[in-house]
N, C-alpha and C. Protein backbone atom coordinates (compact mmCIF):
# COMPACT_ATOMS: atom_id res chain seq x y z
N MET A 1 62.85 62.70 -92.18
CA MET A 1 63.89 62.22 -91.08
C MET A 1 63.74 63.27 -89.75
N SER A 2 63.14 62.68 -88.81
CA SER A 2 63.35 63.63 -87.67
C SER A 2 64.61 63.53 -86.41
N ALA A 3 64.98 64.34 -85.96
CA ALA A 3 65.95 64.86 -85.23
C ALA A 3 66.74 63.16 -83.81
N LEU A 4 67.45 62.78 -83.88
CA LEU A 4 67.78 61.99 -82.80
C LEU A 4 68.43 62.90 -81.44
N TYR A 5 68.78 63.73 -81.97
CA TYR A 5 69.47 65.03 -80.58
C TYR A 5 68.40 66.16 -80.38
N ASP A 6 67.76 66.19 -79.27
CA ASP A 6 66.96 67.36 -79.03
C ASP A 6 68.05 68.75 -79.06
N ALA A 7 68.22 69.25 -79.71
CA ALA A 7 69.17 70.32 -79.88
C ALA A 7 68.41 72.08 -78.81
N ARG A 8 67.82 71.78 -77.76
CA ARG A 8 67.39 73.25 -77.12
C ARG A 8 68.24 73.85 -77.18
N ILE A 9 67.81 75.34 -77.45
CA ILE A 9 68.13 76.35 -77.30
C ILE A 9 68.10 76.76 -76.18
N LEU A 10 69.95 77.52 -75.47
CA LEU A 10 69.99 77.68 -73.93
C LEU A 10 69.44 79.41 -73.95
N SER A 11 70.49 79.88 -74.79
CA SER A 11 70.04 81.43 -75.27
C SER A 11 70.55 81.74 -77.10
N VAL A 12 70.22 82.64 -77.03
CA VAL A 12 70.24 83.98 -78.43
C VAL A 12 70.94 85.03 -77.93
N ASP A 13 71.79 85.40 -78.62
CA ASP A 13 72.11 86.79 -78.93
C ASP A 13 71.70 87.38 -79.84
N GLU A 14 71.38 89.00 -78.75
CA GLU A 14 70.69 89.52 -79.50
C GLU A 14 71.38 90.43 -80.65
N GLY A 15 70.62 90.74 -81.76
CA GLY A 15 70.84 91.23 -83.17
C GLY A 15 71.58 89.82 -83.99
N SER A 16 70.89 89.03 -83.58
CA SER A 16 72.46 87.95 -84.16
C SER A 16 71.10 87.64 -85.57
N PRO A 17 72.00 86.74 -86.42
CA PRO A 17 71.34 86.11 -87.40
C PRO A 17 69.84 85.08 -86.82
N VAL A 18 70.06 84.00 -85.87
CA VAL A 18 69.13 83.53 -85.05
C VAL A 18 68.22 84.35 -84.48
N ASP A 19 68.43 85.31 -83.92
CA ASP A 19 67.92 86.02 -83.06
C ASP A 19 66.63 86.91 -84.20
N ASP A 20 66.91 87.74 -85.11
CA ASP A 20 66.85 88.25 -86.50
C ASP A 20 65.63 87.04 -87.27
N ALA A 21 65.58 85.75 -86.86
CA ALA A 21 64.73 85.10 -87.59
C ALA A 21 63.80 84.77 -86.70
N GLY A 22 63.67 85.24 -85.57
CA GLY A 22 62.52 85.41 -84.46
C GLY A 22 62.54 83.78 -83.57
N ILE A 23 63.86 83.41 -83.74
CA ILE A 23 64.20 81.96 -83.05
C ILE A 23 65.05 82.30 -81.68
N ALA A 24 64.41 81.77 -80.42
CA ALA A 24 64.22 82.00 -79.12
C ALA A 24 64.68 80.89 -77.98
N ALA A 25 65.39 81.43 -76.81
CA ALA A 25 65.48 80.29 -76.11
C ALA A 25 64.48 79.74 -75.67
N GLY A 26 64.69 78.12 -75.37
CA GLY A 26 63.41 77.28 -75.34
C GLY A 26 63.18 76.53 -76.35
N MET A 27 63.41 77.15 -77.81
CA MET A 27 62.92 76.61 -78.93
C MET A 27 63.53 75.09 -78.98
N SER A 28 63.59 74.74 -80.17
CA SER A 28 65.06 73.31 -80.46
C SER A 28 64.87 73.54 -82.34
N VAL A 29 66.17 73.47 -82.42
CA VAL A 29 66.82 72.76 -83.62
C VAL A 29 67.07 71.34 -83.93
N ARG A 30 65.39 71.14 -85.08
CA ARG A 30 65.70 69.56 -85.69
C ARG A 30 66.56 69.40 -86.57
N THR A 31 66.51 70.15 -87.87
CA THR A 31 67.34 69.99 -88.80
C THR A 31 68.50 70.96 -89.20
N VAL A 32 69.50 71.02 -90.16
CA VAL A 32 69.97 71.92 -90.78
C VAL A 32 69.99 71.71 -92.43
N ASP A 33 69.53 72.15 -93.33
CA ASP A 33 69.74 72.09 -94.64
C ASP A 33 69.48 70.46 -94.61
N GLY A 34 68.55 70.09 -93.93
CA GLY A 34 67.21 68.45 -94.25
C GLY A 34 68.42 67.67 -93.37
N HIS A 35 69.03 67.73 -92.94
CA HIS A 35 70.44 66.85 -92.26
C HIS A 35 69.36 66.68 -90.37
N ALA A 36 69.08 65.78 -90.38
CA ALA A 36 68.55 65.38 -89.10
C ALA A 36 69.66 65.86 -88.07
N LEU A 37 69.76 66.43 -87.08
CA LEU A 37 71.02 66.38 -86.03
C LEU A 37 71.23 65.25 -85.32
N MET A 38 72.12 64.38 -84.91
CA MET A 38 72.29 63.32 -83.82
C MET A 38 73.19 64.15 -82.39
N ASP A 39 73.95 65.01 -83.11
CA ASP A 39 74.43 65.74 -82.35
C ASP A 39 75.39 67.46 -82.05
N TYR A 40 75.90 67.75 -81.28
CA TYR A 40 76.21 69.33 -81.46
C TYR A 40 77.56 69.45 -82.24
N ILE A 41 78.08 68.50 -82.49
CA ILE A 41 79.38 68.64 -83.80
C ILE A 41 78.10 68.10 -85.12
N ASP A 42 76.95 67.61 -85.23
CA ASP A 42 76.54 67.59 -86.47
C ASP A 42 75.75 69.12 -86.79
N TRP A 43 75.55 69.92 -85.85
CA TRP A 43 75.26 71.61 -85.86
C TRP A 43 76.46 71.90 -86.34
N LEU A 44 77.80 71.77 -85.69
CA LEU A 44 79.11 72.54 -86.26
C LEU A 44 78.81 72.30 -87.87
N TRP A 45 79.08 70.94 -88.10
CA TRP A 45 79.63 70.60 -89.33
C TRP A 45 78.43 71.51 -90.02
N TRP A 46 76.78 71.10 -90.26
CA TRP A 46 76.05 71.74 -90.95
C TRP A 46 75.83 72.99 -91.16
N SER A 47 75.82 73.46 -90.13
CA SER A 47 75.57 75.43 -90.15
C SER A 47 77.03 76.00 -90.37
N ALA A 48 77.97 75.10 -91.16
CA ALA A 48 79.42 75.93 -91.16
C ALA A 48 79.11 76.95 -92.50
N GLY A 49 78.09 77.05 -93.25
CA GLY A 49 78.09 77.86 -94.67
C GLY A 49 77.29 78.87 -93.90
N ASP A 50 77.41 79.92 -95.11
CA ASP A 50 76.84 81.30 -94.50
C ASP A 50 75.22 81.69 -94.71
N VAL A 51 74.15 80.84 -95.50
CA VAL A 51 73.51 80.85 -95.14
C VAL A 51 72.93 79.04 -95.49
N ILE A 52 71.99 78.57 -94.24
CA ILE A 52 71.77 77.38 -94.06
C ILE A 52 70.27 77.35 -94.19
N GLU A 53 69.39 76.38 -94.13
CA GLU A 53 68.03 75.99 -93.71
C GLU A 53 67.84 75.39 -92.69
N VAL A 54 66.68 75.98 -91.69
CA VAL A 54 66.96 75.57 -90.17
C VAL A 54 65.58 74.63 -89.64
N THR A 55 65.11 73.43 -89.45
CA THR A 55 64.17 73.22 -89.14
C THR A 55 63.72 73.00 -87.67
N GLY A 56 63.11 74.36 -86.75
CA GLY A 56 63.01 74.09 -85.86
C GLY A 56 61.64 73.72 -84.91
N CYS A 57 61.53 73.81 -83.76
CA CYS A 57 60.29 73.57 -83.13
C CYS A 57 60.14 74.92 -82.20
N ASP A 58 59.17 75.31 -81.64
CA ASP A 58 58.76 76.62 -80.83
C ASP A 58 58.30 75.97 -79.79
N LEU A 59 58.01 76.96 -78.59
CA LEU A 59 57.53 76.43 -77.15
C LEU A 59 56.33 75.91 -77.26
N ASP A 60 55.78 75.81 -78.31
CA ASP A 60 54.29 74.85 -78.52
C ASP A 60 54.73 73.24 -78.98
N GLY A 61 55.82 73.16 -79.27
CA GLY A 61 55.75 71.92 -79.90
C GLY A 61 55.61 72.24 -82.15
N ASP A 62 54.96 73.62 -82.17
CA ASP A 62 55.16 73.81 -83.33
C ASP A 62 55.86 73.89 -84.30
N CYS A 63 56.32 72.95 -85.19
CA CYS A 63 57.55 73.34 -86.15
C CYS A 63 57.45 74.36 -87.71
N PHE A 64 58.81 74.56 -87.90
CA PHE A 64 58.82 75.52 -88.87
C PHE A 64 60.61 75.71 -89.38
N ASP A 65 60.17 76.02 -90.42
CA ASP A 65 61.39 76.01 -91.51
C ASP A 65 61.99 77.70 -91.54
N VAL A 66 63.17 77.59 -91.28
CA VAL A 66 63.51 79.13 -91.76
C VAL A 66 64.75 79.33 -92.29
N GLU A 67 65.03 80.68 -93.21
CA GLU A 67 66.58 80.22 -93.74
C GLU A 67 67.25 81.57 -92.94
N LEU A 68 68.76 80.98 -92.74
CA LEU A 68 69.12 81.83 -91.90
C LEU A 68 70.53 82.28 -92.62
N SER A 69 71.09 83.39 -92.85
CA SER A 69 72.11 84.34 -93.57
C SER A 69 72.91 84.73 -92.68
N ARG A 70 74.18 84.90 -92.40
CA ARG A 70 75.24 85.60 -91.84
C ARG A 70 76.55 86.20 -92.62
N GLU A 71 76.80 87.23 -92.15
CA GLU A 71 78.44 87.60 -92.93
C GLU A 71 79.41 86.37 -92.84
N PRO A 72 80.59 86.79 -93.59
CA PRO A 72 81.31 85.62 -93.46
C PRO A 72 81.83 86.32 -92.26
N GLY A 73 82.41 84.90 -91.56
CA GLY A 73 83.17 84.95 -90.09
C GLY A 73 82.26 85.41 -88.83
N GLN A 74 81.02 85.55 -89.41
CA GLN A 74 79.82 86.05 -87.92
C GLN A 74 79.22 85.11 -87.56
N GLY A 75 79.18 84.27 -86.51
CA GLY A 75 78.71 83.46 -85.44
C GLY A 75 76.88 83.27 -86.01
N TRP A 76 76.37 82.24 -85.39
CA TRP A 76 74.82 82.21 -85.56
C TRP A 76 74.52 83.03 -84.11
N GLY A 77 74.59 83.02 -83.72
CA GLY A 77 74.63 84.13 -82.14
C GLY A 77 73.32 82.64 -81.12
N ILE A 78 73.85 81.43 -81.26
CA ILE A 78 72.76 80.56 -80.43
C ILE A 78 73.76 79.91 -79.39
N THR A 79 73.52 79.52 -78.21
CA THR A 79 74.31 78.53 -77.49
C THR A 79 72.83 77.43 -77.33
N PHE A 80 73.47 76.25 -77.29
CA PHE A 80 72.49 75.10 -76.72
C PHE A 80 72.63 74.72 -75.46
N ALA A 81 72.09 73.98 -74.97
CA ALA A 81 71.33 73.77 -73.56
C ALA A 81 72.40 72.40 -73.65
């Protein structure tokens, strides 16, 4: 399933779970736990857990899957454009 929403990343907090996974500004998030993102609310809903699997695409358009984990109450450290 392809995403309808291009969740382009504006910035990543240094030391955050997203940063630790090698995700950087300019990349995009396509799915969370296999759910295509249709808008920012989908990101908030599907990323509410402390462990998620994200499908993203890098600056060259190459897509990847990565598992992210965080401590309870910790943010993911990601800001979307």
